[in-house]
Amino acid sequence: MNDIVLRCDNVVRTYPMGEATVTAVRGVSLEIARGEFAAITGPSGCGKSTLLQLLGVIDVPTSGTVTVDGRDTSTLSDREATDFRLRHVGFVFQRFYLMPTLSAAENVELPMSEAGVNRTTRRARAKELLGYVGLGDRASHRPTQLSGGEQQRVAIARALANAPSLLLADEPTGELDAETGASLLELFGKLNADGTTLVFVTHDAVVANSARRVIRLRDGRIA
């Protein structure tokens, strides 16, 4: 099995802005090994979120290549990219993005349902994952009945639902108080110790230093 889950080769991403062109990512090359725990950090506007979208196959580079699990993602059609993300990449966002009308368990089941997993299997998997993130007794609660930290734990469980090769997180502690954020960082450490390949973006150097590797971005380049 290839030990490199993610590879970027001279990735550039530009955007038109009126008559000008803005370059958000400037020739980034990096590799993420299977089982690695890396943080991408840097000041606001340095290209962190743009790079994360490229790594997660939400966006495609203007030039260069992003390869996930040996697949050049720039060759995927929109439908193929959607299916690829569903099966290979898990996302954890700052604002959780849980479905408010669904229970915690139903939120975790959602990506499995989209992937065609049968009901019995996805219910068992959701129960297992909620137990793993410490919310086994909150499965029937809706997001409004959960604290911010609990909602983020549900979001992590949901991101793990289809056993992705890569887990990406965008400022995952940004909406949480310091104590709750610290407990989430402990959970990320546990995930990584159990074999999850994890890359998250943060502007907070203290949060970044909880990772095993820190990648510093400045002006769209690795500093």
N, C-alpha and C. Protein backbone atom coordinates (compact mmCIF):
# COMPACT_ATOMS: atom_id res chain seq x y z
N MET A 1 0.85 -1.20 0.00
CA MET A 1 0.00 0.00 0.00
C MET A 1 0.88 1.25 0.00
N ASN A 2 0.52 2.24 -0.79
CA ASN A 2 1.26 3.49 -0.83
C ASN A 2 1.17 4.19 0.51
N ASP A 3 2.31 4.56 1.08
CA ASP A 3 2.32 5.22 2.39
C ASP A 3 1.98 6.70 2.29
N ILE A 4 1.91 7.26 1.09
CA ILE A 4 1.56 8.67 0.90
C ILE A 4 0.07 8.76 0.57
N VAL A 5 -0.70 9.37 1.47
CA VAL A 5 -2.14 9.54 1.24
C VAL A 5 -2.40 10.75 0.34
N LEU A 6 -1.62 11.80 0.56
CA LEU A 6 -1.89 13.08 -0.11
C LEU A 6 -0.58 13.66 -0.64
N ARG A 7 -0.62 14.10 -1.90
CA ARG A 7 0.55 14.73 -2.49
C ARG A 7 0.12 15.95 -3.30
N CYS A 8 0.79 17.05 -3.07
CA CYS A 8 0.62 18.27 -3.89
C CYS A 8 1.92 18.51 -4.65
N ASP A 9 1.81 18.75 -5.94
CA ASP A 9 2.98 19.05 -6.75
C ASP A 9 2.81 20.41 -7.41
N ASN A 10 3.54 21.40 -6.90
CA ASN A 10 3.59 22.74 -7.46
C ASN A 10 2.18 23.31 -7.72
N VAL A 11 1.35 23.25 -6.69
CA VAL A 11 -0.05 23.66 -6.82
C VAL A 11 -0.19 25.18 -6.76
N VAL A 12 -0.90 25.71 -7.75
CA VAL A 12 -1.20 27.14 -7.84
C VAL A 12 -2.71 27.29 -7.97
N ARG A 13 -3.27 28.27 -7.24
CA ARG A 13 -4.70 28.57 -7.41
C ARG A 13 -4.86 30.07 -7.53
N THR A 14 -5.38 30.50 -8.67
CA THR A 14 -5.63 31.92 -8.92
C THR A 14 -7.13 32.15 -9.11
N TYR A 15 -7.55 33.38 -8.83
CA TYR A 15 -8.95 33.77 -8.99
C TYR A 15 -9.01 35.12 -9.70
N PRO A 16 -9.91 35.27 -10.67
CA PRO A 16 -10.09 36.58 -11.27
C PRO A 16 -10.82 37.51 -10.30
N MET A 17 -10.38 38.74 -10.23
CA MET A 17 -11.05 39.74 -9.40
C MET A 17 -11.09 41.04 -10.20
N GLY A 18 -12.22 41.23 -10.89
CA GLY A 18 -12.31 42.36 -11.80
C GLY A 18 -11.34 42.15 -12.94
N GLU A 19 -10.51 43.14 -13.18
CA GLU A 19 -9.50 43.03 -14.23
C GLU A 19 -8.19 42.44 -13.71
N ALA A 20 -8.12 42.21 -12.42
CA ALA A 20 -6.89 41.68 -11.81
C ALA A 20 -7.03 40.18 -11.56
N THR A 21 -5.94 39.55 -11.21
CA THR A 21 -5.91 38.13 -10.84
C THR A 21 -5.27 38.02 -9.47
N VAL A 22 -5.96 37.33 -8.57
CA VAL A 22 -5.45 37.10 -7.22
C VAL A 22 -4.90 35.68 -7.14
N THR A 23 -3.70 35.54 -6.64
CA THR A 23 -3.09 34.22 -6.47
C THR A 23 -3.15 33.86 -4.99
N ALA A 24 -3.99 32.88 -4.65
CA ALA A 24 -4.19 32.49 -3.25
C ALA A 24 -3.19 31.44 -2.80
N VAL A 25 -2.82 30.53 -3.70
CA VAL A 25 -1.84 29.49 -3.41
C VAL A 25 -0.77 29.55 -4.49
N ARG A 26 0.50 29.57 -4.06
CA ARG A 26 1.61 29.84 -4.98
C ARG A 26 2.64 28.70 -4.97
N GLY A 27 2.44 27.72 -5.81
CA GLY A 27 3.45 26.69 -5.99
C GLY A 27 3.71 25.81 -4.78
N VAL A 28 2.65 25.37 -4.12
CA VAL A 28 2.79 24.53 -2.92
C VAL A 28 3.05 23.08 -3.33
N SER A 29 4.08 22.50 -2.75
CA SER A 29 4.37 21.07 -2.89
C SER A 29 4.51 20.48 -1.50
N LEU A 30 3.80 19.40 -1.23
CA LEU A 30 3.92 18.72 0.06
C LEU A 30 3.38 17.30 -0.05
N GLU A 31 3.77 16.48 0.93
CA GLU A 31 3.26 15.12 1.03
C GLU A 31 2.77 14.87 2.45
N ILE A 32 1.67 14.16 2.55
CA ILE A 32 1.14 13.74 3.85
C ILE A 32 1.13 12.22 3.87
N ALA A 33 1.85 11.64 4.82
CA ALA A 33 1.95 10.18 4.92
C ALA A 33 0.73 9.60 5.63
N ARG A 34 0.45 8.36 5.33
CA ARG A 34 -0.65 7.66 5.99
C ARG A 34 -0.39 7.62 7.50
N GLY A 35 -1.38 8.05 8.29
CA GLY A 35 -1.24 8.06 9.73
C GLY A 35 -0.63 9.33 10.30
N GLU A 36 -0.35 10.30 9.45
CA GLU A 36 0.27 11.54 9.92
C GLU A 36 -0.78 12.48 10.53
N PHE A 37 -0.32 13.38 11.39
CA PHE A 37 -1.16 14.41 12.01
C PHE A 37 -0.46 15.75 11.77
N ALA A 38 -0.99 16.52 10.81
CA ALA A 38 -0.35 17.76 10.40
C ALA A 38 -1.29 18.94 10.57
N ALA A 39 -0.73 20.07 10.94
CA ALA A 39 -1.49 21.32 11.02
C ALA A 39 -0.91 22.32 10.04
N ILE A 40 -1.80 22.99 9.32
CA ILE A 40 -1.41 24.07 8.42
C ILE A 40 -1.77 25.37 9.11
N THR A 41 -0.77 26.20 9.36
CA THR A 41 -1.00 27.43 10.11
C THR A 41 -0.44 28.63 9.36
N GLY A 42 -0.83 29.80 9.82
CA GLY A 42 -0.37 31.04 9.19
C GLY A 42 -1.37 32.14 9.44
N PRO A 43 -1.00 33.38 9.10
CA PRO A 43 -1.90 34.52 9.34
C PRO A 43 -3.13 34.48 8.45
N SER A 44 -4.14 35.25 8.82
CA SER A 44 -5.35 35.35 8.00
C SER A 44 -4.98 35.82 6.60
N GLY A 45 -5.62 35.20 5.60
CA GLY A 45 -5.40 35.61 4.22
C GLY A 45 -4.17 35.00 3.57
N CYS A 46 -3.53 34.03 4.24
CA CYS A 46 -2.30 33.46 3.67
C CYS A 46 -2.58 32.30 2.71
N GLY A 47 -3.84 31.89 2.59
CA GLY A 47 -4.18 30.83 1.65
C GLY A 47 -4.51 29.49 2.29
N LYS A 48 -4.63 29.45 3.63
CA LYS A 48 -4.85 28.18 4.34
C LYS A 48 -6.15 27.50 3.89
N SER A 49 -7.25 28.25 3.93
CA SER A 49 -8.55 27.64 3.60
C SER A 49 -8.62 27.25 2.13
N THR A 50 -8.02 28.05 1.26
CA THR A 50 -7.98 27.70 -0.16
C THR A 50 -7.22 26.40 -0.35
N LEU A 51 -6.08 26.27 0.33
CA LEU A 51 -5.29 25.04 0.21
C LEU A 51 -6.08 23.84 0.73
N LEU A 52 -6.80 24.02 1.84
CA LEU A 52 -7.58 22.91 2.39
C LEU A 52 -8.66 22.47 1.41
N GLN A 53 -9.30 23.42 0.73
CA GLN A 53 -10.31 23.08 -0.26
C GLN A 53 -9.71 22.30 -1.42
N LEU A 54 -8.48 22.64 -1.78
CA LEU A 54 -7.79 21.90 -2.84
C LEU A 54 -7.44 20.48 -2.38
N LEU A 55 -6.97 20.36 -1.14
CA LEU A 55 -6.63 19.05 -0.60
C LEU A 55 -7.86 18.16 -0.49
N GLY A 56 -9.01 18.77 -0.19
CA GLY A 56 -10.25 18.03 0.01
C GLY A 56 -11.10 17.83 -1.22
N VAL A 57 -10.58 18.20 -2.38
CA VAL A 57 -11.26 18.00 -3.67
C VAL A 57 -12.57 18.79 -3.75
N ILE A 58 -12.63 19.88 -2.98
CA ILE A 58 -13.74 20.82 -3.13
C ILE A 58 -13.44 21.77 -4.28
N ASP A 59 -12.17 22.06 -4.49
CA ASP A 59 -11.71 22.95 -5.55
C ASP A 59 -10.61 22.23 -6.32
N VAL A 60 -10.26 22.75 -7.50
CA VAL A 60 -9.17 22.17 -8.29
C VAL A 60 -8.13 23.26 -8.55
N PRO A 61 -6.85 22.88 -8.63
CA PRO A 61 -5.80 23.88 -8.84
C PRO A 61 -5.85 24.48 -10.24
N THR A 62 -5.39 25.72 -10.34
CA THR A 62 -5.22 26.35 -11.64
C THR A 62 -4.11 25.66 -12.41
N SER A 63 -3.05 25.28 -11.69
CA SER A 63 -1.98 24.46 -12.26
C SER A 63 -1.39 23.62 -11.15
N GLY A 64 -0.63 22.59 -11.54
CA GLY A 64 -0.13 21.64 -10.56
C GLY A 64 -1.16 20.54 -10.31
N THR A 65 -0.79 19.59 -9.46
CA THR A 65 -1.68 18.45 -9.21
C THR A 65 -1.84 18.18 -7.72
N VAL A 66 -3.04 17.71 -7.36
CA VAL A 66 -3.33 17.20 -6.02
C VAL A 66 -3.71 15.73 -6.19
N THR A 67 -2.99 14.85 -5.52
CA THR A 67 -3.23 13.42 -5.62
C THR A 67 -3.64 12.89 -4.25
N VAL A 68 -4.79 12.24 -4.19
CA VAL A 68 -5.30 11.64 -2.95
C VAL A 68 -5.47 10.15 -3.18
N ASP A 69 -4.86 9.35 -2.33
CA ASP A 69 -4.92 7.89 -2.48
C ASP A 69 -4.52 7.45 -3.89
N GLY A 70 -3.53 8.12 -4.45
CA GLY A 70 -3.02 7.76 -5.76
C GLY A 70 -3.83 8.27 -6.94
N ARG A 71 -4.89 9.04 -6.68
CA ARG A 71 -5.76 9.53 -7.76
C ARG A 71 -5.52 11.02 -7.98
N ASP A 72 -5.20 11.39 -9.21
CA ASP A 72 -5.07 12.80 -9.57
C ASP A 72 -6.47 13.40 -9.59
N THR A 73 -6.79 14.23 -8.61
CA THR A 73 -8.17 14.69 -8.43
C THR A 73 -8.61 15.69 -9.48
N SER A 74 -7.65 16.29 -10.20
CA SER A 74 -8.02 17.28 -11.22
C SER A 74 -8.66 16.61 -12.44
N THR A 75 -8.54 15.29 -12.54
CA THR A 75 -9.12 14.58 -13.69
C THR A 75 -10.56 14.17 -13.44
N LEU A 76 -11.08 14.44 -12.24
CA LEU A 76 -12.43 13.99 -11.89
C LEU A 76 -13.49 14.96 -12.41
N SER A 77 -14.58 14.43 -12.91
CA SER A 77 -15.74 15.27 -13.22
C SER A 77 -16.37 15.73 -11.91
N ASP A 78 -17.32 16.65 -11.97
CA ASP A 78 -17.98 17.13 -10.76
C ASP A 78 -18.64 15.98 -10.00
N ARG A 79 -19.32 15.10 -10.72
CA ARG A 79 -20.00 13.97 -10.07
C ARG A 79 -18.98 13.01 -9.47
N GLU A 80 -17.90 12.74 -10.19
CA GLU A 80 -16.85 11.86 -9.67
C GLU A 80 -16.18 12.47 -8.45
N ALA A 81 -15.97 13.79 -8.47
CA ALA A 81 -15.34 14.46 -7.32
C ALA A 81 -16.23 14.37 -6.09
N THR A 82 -17.54 14.53 -6.28
CA THR A 82 -18.48 14.42 -5.16
C THR A 82 -18.43 13.02 -4.56
N ASP A 83 -18.44 12.02 -5.40
CA ASP A 83 -18.39 10.64 -4.93
C ASP A 83 -17.03 10.34 -4.27
N PHE A 84 -15.97 10.87 -4.84
CA PHE A 84 -14.63 10.65 -4.28
C PHE A 84 -14.53 11.25 -2.88
N ARG A 85 -15.01 12.49 -2.72
CA ARG A 85 -15.00 13.12 -1.39
C ARG A 85 -15.79 12.28 -0.38
N LEU A 86 -16.94 11.81 -0.80
CA LEU A 86 -17.82 11.05 0.09
C LEU A 86 -17.12 9.82 0.64
N ARG A 87 -16.28 9.19 -0.18
CA ARG A 87 -15.70 7.90 0.20
C ARG A 87 -14.26 7.99 0.70
N HIS A 88 -13.57 9.09 0.40
CA HIS A 88 -12.14 9.16 0.71
C HIS A 88 -11.75 10.29 1.66
N VAL A 89 -12.60 11.31 1.78
CA VAL A 89 -12.23 12.50 2.55
C VAL A 89 -13.33 12.83 3.56
N GLY A 90 -12.95 13.01 4.82
CA GLY A 90 -13.88 13.49 5.84
C GLY A 90 -13.58 14.93 6.18
N PHE A 91 -14.63 15.73 6.43
CA PHE A 91 -14.46 17.15 6.74
C PHE A 91 -15.05 17.48 8.10
N VAL A 92 -14.33 18.31 8.85
CA VAL A 92 -14.84 18.88 10.10
C VAL A 92 -14.71 20.39 9.96
N PHE A 93 -15.84 21.10 10.09
CA PHE A 93 -15.84 22.54 9.88
C PHE A 93 -15.98 23.29 11.20
N GLN A 94 -15.56 24.55 11.19
CA GLN A 94 -15.62 25.39 12.38
C GLN A 94 -17.05 25.53 12.89
N ARG A 95 -18.01 25.64 11.98
CA ARG A 95 -19.40 25.92 12.37
C ARG A 95 -20.28 24.67 12.39
N PHE A 96 -19.67 23.49 12.39
CA PHE A 96 -20.33 22.19 12.59
C PHE A 96 -21.17 21.75 11.40
N TYR A 97 -22.11 22.60 10.94
CA TYR A 97 -22.98 22.29 9.79
C TYR A 97 -23.76 20.99 9.98
N LEU A 98 -24.31 20.81 11.16
CA LEU A 98 -25.21 19.68 11.40
C LEU A 98 -26.61 20.02 10.91
N MET A 99 -27.35 18.99 10.52
CA MET A 99 -28.74 19.20 10.11
C MET A 99 -29.59 19.35 11.36
N PRO A 100 -30.23 20.53 11.56
CA PRO A 100 -30.91 20.80 12.83
C PRO A 100 -32.12 19.93 13.10
N THR A 101 -32.73 19.38 12.05
CA THR A 101 -33.94 18.57 12.24
C THR A 101 -33.63 17.09 12.50
N LEU A 102 -32.34 16.73 12.43
CA LEU A 102 -31.95 15.34 12.61
C LEU A 102 -31.29 15.14 13.97
N SER A 103 -31.41 13.96 14.52
CA SER A 103 -30.73 13.63 15.76
C SER A 103 -29.23 13.48 15.51
N ALA A 104 -28.46 13.38 16.59
CA ALA A 104 -27.02 13.16 16.44
C ALA A 104 -26.76 11.91 15.62
N ALA A 105 -27.45 10.83 15.94
CA ALA A 105 -27.24 9.57 15.20
C ALA A 105 -27.61 9.72 13.73
N GLU A 106 -28.71 10.41 13.46
CA GLU A 106 -29.14 10.59 12.07
C GLU A 106 -28.16 11.46 11.29
N ASN A 107 -27.55 12.46 11.96
CA ASN A 107 -26.52 13.27 11.30
C ASN A 107 -25.32 12.42 10.93
N VAL A 108 -24.93 11.51 11.82
CA VAL A 108 -23.79 10.64 11.54
C VAL A 108 -24.12 9.65 10.42
N GLU A 109 -25.37 9.22 10.37
CA GLU A 109 -25.79 8.27 9.34
C GLU A 109 -25.85 8.89 7.94
N LEU A 110 -26.01 10.20 7.87
CA LEU A 110 -26.30 10.86 6.60
C LEU A 110 -25.28 10.54 5.49
N PRO A 111 -23.97 10.70 5.71
CA PRO A 111 -23.04 10.38 4.62
C PRO A 111 -23.03 8.91 4.25
N MET A 112 -23.35 8.03 5.21
CA MET A 112 -23.45 6.61 4.87
C MET A 112 -24.66 6.34 4.00
N SER A 113 -25.76 7.03 4.29
CA SER A 113 -26.95 6.90 3.46
C SER A 113 -26.66 7.35 2.03
N GLU A 114 -25.92 8.46 1.91
CA GLU A 114 -25.57 8.98 0.58
C GLU A 114 -24.66 8.01 -0.16
N ALA A 115 -23.88 7.23 0.59
CA ALA A 115 -22.97 6.27 -0.02
C ALA A 115 -23.64 4.92 -0.29
N GLY A 116 -24.93 4.81 0.05
CA GLY A 116 -25.66 3.59 -0.23
C GLY A 116 -25.52 2.48 0.80
N VAL A 117 -25.06 2.84 2.01
CA VAL A 117 -24.93 1.84 3.08
C VAL A 117 -26.32 1.49 3.62
N ASN A 118 -26.56 0.20 3.85
CA ASN A 118 -27.90 -0.19 4.31
C ASN A 118 -28.17 0.31 5.73
N ARG A 119 -29.45 0.41 6.08
CA ARG A 119 -29.88 1.04 7.32
C ARG A 119 -29.30 0.34 8.56
N THR A 120 -29.32 -0.97 8.58
CA THR A 120 -28.82 -1.69 9.74
C THR A 120 -27.35 -1.40 9.99
N THR A 121 -26.56 -1.43 8.92
CA THR A 121 -25.12 -1.18 9.04
C THR A 121 -24.84 0.25 9.47
N ARG A 122 -25.56 1.21 8.87
CA ARG A 122 -25.25 2.60 9.22
C ARG A 122 -25.70 2.94 10.64
N ARG A 123 -26.79 2.34 11.11
CA ARG A 123 -27.21 2.58 12.50
C ARG A 123 -26.18 2.03 13.48
N ALA A 124 -25.66 0.85 13.18
CA ALA A 124 -24.64 0.26 14.05
C ALA A 124 -23.36 1.09 14.02
N ARG A 125 -22.98 1.56 12.84
CA ARG A 125 -21.77 2.39 12.70
C ARG A 125 -21.94 3.72 13.42
N ALA A 126 -23.10 4.35 13.29
CA ALA A 126 -23.35 5.63 13.98
C ALA A 126 -23.27 5.45 15.49
N LYS A 127 -23.85 4.37 16.00
CA LYS A 127 -23.79 4.09 17.43
C LYS A 127 -22.34 3.91 17.88
N GLU A 128 -21.58 3.17 17.10
CA GLU A 128 -20.17 2.93 17.41
C GLU A 128 -19.37 4.24 17.44
N LEU A 129 -19.59 5.08 16.43
CA LEU A 129 -18.83 6.32 16.33
C LEU A 129 -19.20 7.31 17.42
N LEU A 130 -20.48 7.42 17.74
CA LEU A 130 -20.88 8.32 18.82
C LEU A 130 -20.31 7.86 20.16
N GLY A 131 -20.24 6.57 20.34
CA GLY A 131 -19.58 6.06 21.54
C GLY A 131 -18.10 6.40 21.54
N TYR A 132 -17.47 6.32 20.39
CA TYR A 132 -16.04 6.59 20.25
C TYR A 132 -15.71 8.04 20.63
N VAL A 133 -16.60 8.99 20.23
CA VAL A 133 -16.34 10.40 20.54
C VAL A 133 -16.95 10.83 21.88
N GLY A 134 -17.46 9.85 22.65
CA GLY A 134 -17.94 10.14 23.99
C GLY A 134 -19.37 10.63 24.08
N LEU A 135 -20.18 10.32 23.06
CA LEU A 135 -21.56 10.79 23.03
C LEU A 135 -22.56 9.65 22.87
N GLY A 136 -22.20 8.48 23.39
CA GLY A 136 -23.09 7.34 23.26
C GLY A 136 -24.46 7.56 23.87
N ASP A 137 -24.55 8.43 24.89
CA ASP A 137 -25.83 8.68 25.55
C ASP A 137 -26.57 9.88 24.97
N ARG A 138 -26.06 10.46 23.88
CA ARG A 138 -26.68 11.65 23.28
C ARG A 138 -27.17 11.40 21.86
N ALA A 139 -27.24 10.15 21.48
CA ALA A 139 -27.54 9.80 20.08
C ALA A 139 -28.88 10.35 19.60
N SER A 140 -29.87 10.42 20.49
CA SER A 140 -31.22 10.85 20.07
C SER A 140 -31.41 12.37 20.16
N HIS A 141 -30.41 13.09 20.64
CA HIS A 141 -30.53 14.53 20.81
C HIS A 141 -30.30 15.26 19.49
N ARG A 142 -31.07 16.32 19.27
CA ARG A 142 -30.86 17.18 18.11
C ARG A 142 -29.77 18.21 18.44
N PRO A 143 -29.18 18.84 17.41
CA PRO A 143 -28.09 19.79 17.64
C PRO A 143 -28.41 20.89 18.64
N THR A 144 -29.66 21.39 18.64
CA THR A 144 -30.01 22.47 19.57
C THR A 144 -30.01 22.00 21.02
N GLN A 145 -30.02 20.70 21.23
CA GLN A 145 -29.99 20.15 22.58
C GLN A 145 -28.57 19.80 23.03
N LEU A 146 -27.59 20.12 22.20
CA LEU A 146 -26.20 19.78 22.47
C LEU A 146 -25.37 21.05 22.64
N SER A 147 -24.32 20.97 23.44
CA SER A 147 -23.39 22.08 23.58
C SER A 147 -22.54 22.19 22.32
N GLY A 148 -21.80 23.29 22.20
CA GLY A 148 -20.94 23.48 21.04
C GLY A 148 -19.91 22.36 20.91
N GLY A 149 -19.31 21.97 22.04
CA GLY A 149 -18.33 20.89 22.01
C GLY A 149 -18.96 19.57 21.61
N GLU A 150 -20.18 19.31 22.07
CA GLU A 150 -20.88 18.09 21.69
C GLU A 150 -21.24 18.09 20.21
N GLN A 151 -21.66 19.25 19.70
CA GLN A 151 -21.97 19.34 18.28
C GLN A 151 -20.73 19.06 17.44
N GLN A 152 -19.58 19.57 17.88
CA GLN A 152 -18.36 19.34 17.11
C GLN A 152 -17.97 17.86 17.17
N ARG A 153 -18.21 17.20 18.28
CA ARG A 153 -17.94 15.76 18.37
C ARG A 153 -18.85 14.96 17.43
N VAL A 154 -20.11 15.39 17.33
CA VAL A 154 -21.00 14.76 16.35
C VAL A 154 -20.46 14.97 14.94
N ALA A 155 -19.99 16.18 14.66
CA ALA A 155 -19.44 16.48 13.33
C ALA A 155 -18.23 15.62 13.03
N ILE A 156 -17.40 15.36 14.05
CA ILE A 156 -16.24 14.48 13.86
C ILE A 156 -16.70 13.05 13.56
N ALA A 157 -17.68 12.57 14.33
CA ALA A 157 -18.22 11.24 14.09
C ALA A 157 -18.78 11.13 12.67
N ARG A 158 -19.50 12.16 12.25
CA ARG A 158 -20.06 12.18 10.88
C ARG A 158 -18.94 12.12 9.84
N ALA A 159 -17.87 12.88 10.07
CA ALA A 159 -16.75 12.91 9.13
C ALA A 159 -16.07 11.55 9.00
N LEU A 160 -16.15 10.74 10.06
CA LEU A 160 -15.52 9.41 10.07
C LEU A 160 -16.44 8.31 9.54
N ALA A 161 -17.68 8.67 9.22
CA ALA A 161 -18.72 7.66 8.95
C ALA A 161 -18.33 6.67 7.87
N ASN A 162 -17.75 7.15 6.77
CA ASN A 162 -17.40 6.27 5.65
C ASN A 162 -15.95 5.83 5.68
N ALA A 163 -15.33 5.89 6.87
CA ALA A 163 -13.93 5.46 7.06
C ALA A 163 -13.01 6.08 6.02
N PRO A 164 -12.94 7.44 5.97
CA PRO A 164 -12.14 8.10 4.94
C PRO A 164 -10.65 7.87 5.14
N SER A 165 -9.91 7.96 4.03
CA SER A 165 -8.45 7.87 4.11
C SER A 165 -7.85 9.10 4.76
N LEU A 166 -8.56 10.23 4.66
CA LEU A 166 -8.03 11.51 5.08
C LEU A 166 -9.11 12.29 5.80
N LEU A 167 -8.79 12.83 6.99
CA LEU A 167 -9.71 13.69 7.73
C LEU A 167 -9.16 15.10 7.74
N LEU A 168 -9.94 16.04 7.20
CA LEU A 168 -9.55 17.45 7.13
C LEU A 168 -10.42 18.27 8.07
N ALA A 169 -9.82 19.24 8.74
CA ALA A 169 -10.57 20.08 9.67
C ALA A 169 -10.18 21.53 9.46
N ASP A 170 -11.18 22.40 9.36
CA ASP A 170 -10.97 23.83 9.13
C ASP A 170 -11.30 24.60 10.41
N GLU A 171 -10.29 25.08 11.12
CA GLU A 171 -10.45 25.80 12.38
C GLU A 171 -11.43 25.06 13.30
N PRO A 172 -11.18 23.79 13.60
CA PRO A 172 -12.19 22.97 14.30
C PRO A 172 -12.49 23.41 15.72
N THR A 173 -11.61 24.20 16.34
CA THR A 173 -11.87 24.68 17.70
C THR A 173 -12.25 26.15 17.73
N GLY A 174 -12.42 26.76 16.56
CA GLY A 174 -12.61 28.21 16.48
C GLY A 174 -13.87 28.73 17.14
N GLU A 175 -14.91 27.89 17.24
CA GLU A 175 -16.18 28.32 17.83
C GLU A 175 -16.31 27.89 19.30
N LEU A 176 -15.24 27.32 19.86
CA LEU A 176 -15.32 26.71 21.18
C LEU A 176 -14.49 27.48 22.20
N ASP A 177 -14.90 27.40 23.48
CA ASP A 177 -14.09 28.01 24.53
C ASP A 177 -12.82 27.19 24.71
N ALA A 178 -11.86 27.75 25.46
CA ALA A 178 -10.54 27.14 25.56
C ALA A 178 -10.58 25.73 26.14
N GLU A 179 -11.39 25.53 27.19
CA GLU A 179 -11.44 24.22 27.82
C GLU A 179 -12.04 23.17 26.89
N THR A 180 -13.14 23.53 26.22
CA THR A 180 -13.77 22.60 25.29
C THR A 180 -12.85 22.33 24.10
N GLY A 181 -12.18 23.39 23.63
CA GLY A 181 -11.24 23.23 22.53
C GLY A 181 -10.12 22.27 22.89
N ALA A 182 -9.63 22.38 24.12
CA ALA A 182 -8.55 21.48 24.56
C ALA A 182 -9.01 20.03 24.56
N SER A 183 -10.26 19.80 24.97
CA SER A 183 -10.77 18.42 24.98
C SER A 183 -10.91 17.88 23.56
N LEU A 184 -11.25 18.77 22.61
CA LEU A 184 -11.34 18.35 21.21
C LEU A 184 -9.96 18.00 20.68
N LEU A 185 -8.95 18.76 21.07
CA LEU A 185 -7.60 18.46 20.62
C LEU A 185 -7.14 17.10 21.15
N GLU A 186 -7.55 16.78 22.36
CA GLU A 186 -7.24 15.45 22.90
C GLU A 186 -7.90 14.36 22.04
N LEU A 187 -9.13 14.63 21.60
CA LEU A 187 -9.83 13.67 20.76
C LEU A 187 -9.11 13.51 19.42
N PHE A 188 -8.66 14.62 18.84
CA PHE A 188 -7.90 14.52 17.58
C PHE A 188 -6.64 13.69 17.78
N GLY A 189 -5.98 13.88 18.92
CA GLY A 189 -4.80 13.08 19.21
C GLY A 189 -5.13 11.60 19.29
N LYS A 190 -6.27 11.28 19.90
CA LYS A 190 -6.73 9.89 19.99
C LYS A 190 -7.02 9.33 18.60
N LEU A 191 -7.71 10.12 17.78
CA LEU A 191 -8.01 9.69 16.41
C LEU A 191 -6.73 9.33 15.68
N ASN A 192 -5.73 10.20 15.78
CA ASN A 192 -4.47 9.96 15.10
C ASN A 192 -3.76 8.74 15.65
N ALA A 193 -3.77 8.59 16.98
CA ALA A 193 -3.12 7.42 17.60
C ALA A 193 -3.78 6.13 17.13
N ASP A 194 -5.08 6.20 16.79
CA ASP A 194 -5.80 5.03 16.31
C ASP A 194 -5.68 4.83 14.80
N GLY A 195 -4.87 5.66 14.15
CA GLY A 195 -4.55 5.45 12.74
C GLY A 195 -5.15 6.42 11.75
N THR A 196 -5.94 7.40 12.19
CA THR A 196 -6.54 8.37 11.28
C THR A 196 -5.50 9.36 10.78
N THR A 197 -5.45 9.58 9.48
CA THR A 197 -4.60 10.61 8.89
C THR A 197 -5.35 11.93 8.98
N LEU A 198 -4.74 12.91 9.63
CA LEU A 198 -5.45 14.13 9.99
C LEU A 198 -4.66 15.36 9.57
N VAL A 199 -5.34 16.27 8.88
CA VAL A 199 -4.75 17.56 8.53
C VAL A 199 -5.75 18.64 8.92
N PHE A 200 -5.33 19.60 9.76
CA PHE A 200 -6.26 20.69 10.04
C PHE A 200 -5.59 22.04 9.85
N VAL A 201 -6.44 23.01 9.58
CA VAL A 201 -6.03 24.40 9.36
C VAL A 201 -6.36 25.19 10.61
N THR A 202 -5.43 26.01 11.06
CA THR A 202 -5.68 26.89 12.20
C THR A 202 -4.78 28.12 12.10
N HIS A 203 -5.26 29.23 12.64
CA HIS A 203 -4.42 30.42 12.73
C HIS A 203 -3.75 30.50 14.10
N ASP A 204 -4.10 29.57 14.99
CA ASP A 204 -3.65 29.59 16.37
C ASP A 204 -2.43 28.67 16.53
N ALA A 205 -1.28 29.25 16.83
CA ALA A 205 -0.04 28.46 16.95
C ALA A 205 -0.13 27.45 18.08
N VAL A 206 -0.85 27.78 19.15
CA VAL A 206 -0.99 26.84 20.28
C VAL A 206 -1.75 25.61 19.83
N VAL A 207 -2.83 25.82 19.08
CA VAL A 207 -3.61 24.70 18.56
C VAL A 207 -2.77 23.89 17.57
N ALA A 208 -2.05 24.59 16.70
CA ALA A 208 -1.22 23.91 15.70
C ALA A 208 -0.19 23.01 16.34
N ASN A 209 0.36 23.43 17.46
CA ASN A 209 1.41 22.66 18.11
C ASN A 209 0.92 21.38 18.76
N SER A 210 -0.40 21.16 18.76
CA SER A 210 -0.91 19.87 19.23
C SER A 210 -0.70 18.78 18.17
N ALA A 211 -0.44 19.20 16.93
CA ALA A 211 -0.18 18.25 15.86
C ALA A 211 1.27 17.76 15.93
N ARG A 212 1.54 16.70 15.20
CA ARG A 212 2.90 16.16 15.17
C ARG A 212 3.77 16.88 14.16
N ARG A 213 3.14 17.57 13.22
CA ARG A 213 3.88 18.30 12.19
C ARG A 213 3.15 19.61 11.92
N VAL A 214 3.90 20.69 11.83
CA VAL A 214 3.31 22.00 11.54
C VAL A 214 3.84 22.50 10.20
N ILE A 215 2.90 22.84 9.31
CA ILE A 215 3.24 23.40 7.99
C ILE A 215 2.83 24.86 8.02
N ARG A 216 3.79 25.75 7.91
CA ARG A 216 3.51 27.18 8.02
C ARG A 216 3.36 27.79 6.63
N LEU A 217 2.24 28.47 6.43
CA LEU A 217 1.94 29.08 5.14
C LEU A 217 2.02 30.59 5.28
N ARG A 218 2.61 31.25 4.30
CA ARG A 218 2.68 32.71 4.27
C ARG A 218 2.61 33.16 2.83
N ASP A 219 1.67 34.08 2.56
CA ASP A 219 1.49 34.61 1.20
C ASP A 219 1.33 33.50 0.16
N GLY A 220 0.59 32.44 0.55
CA GLY A 220 0.30 31.37 -0.39
C GLY A 220 1.41 30.37 -0.59
N ARG A 221 2.50 30.53 0.13
CA ARG A 221 3.65 29.61 0.00
C ARG A 221 3.96 28.97 1.34
N ILE A 222 4.58 27.78 1.28
CA ILE A 222 5.08 27.17 2.51
C ILE A 222 6.30 27.94 2.96
N ALA A 223 6.24 28.46 4.20
CA ALA A 223 7.34 29.31 4.70
C ALA A 223 8.48 28.43 5.20
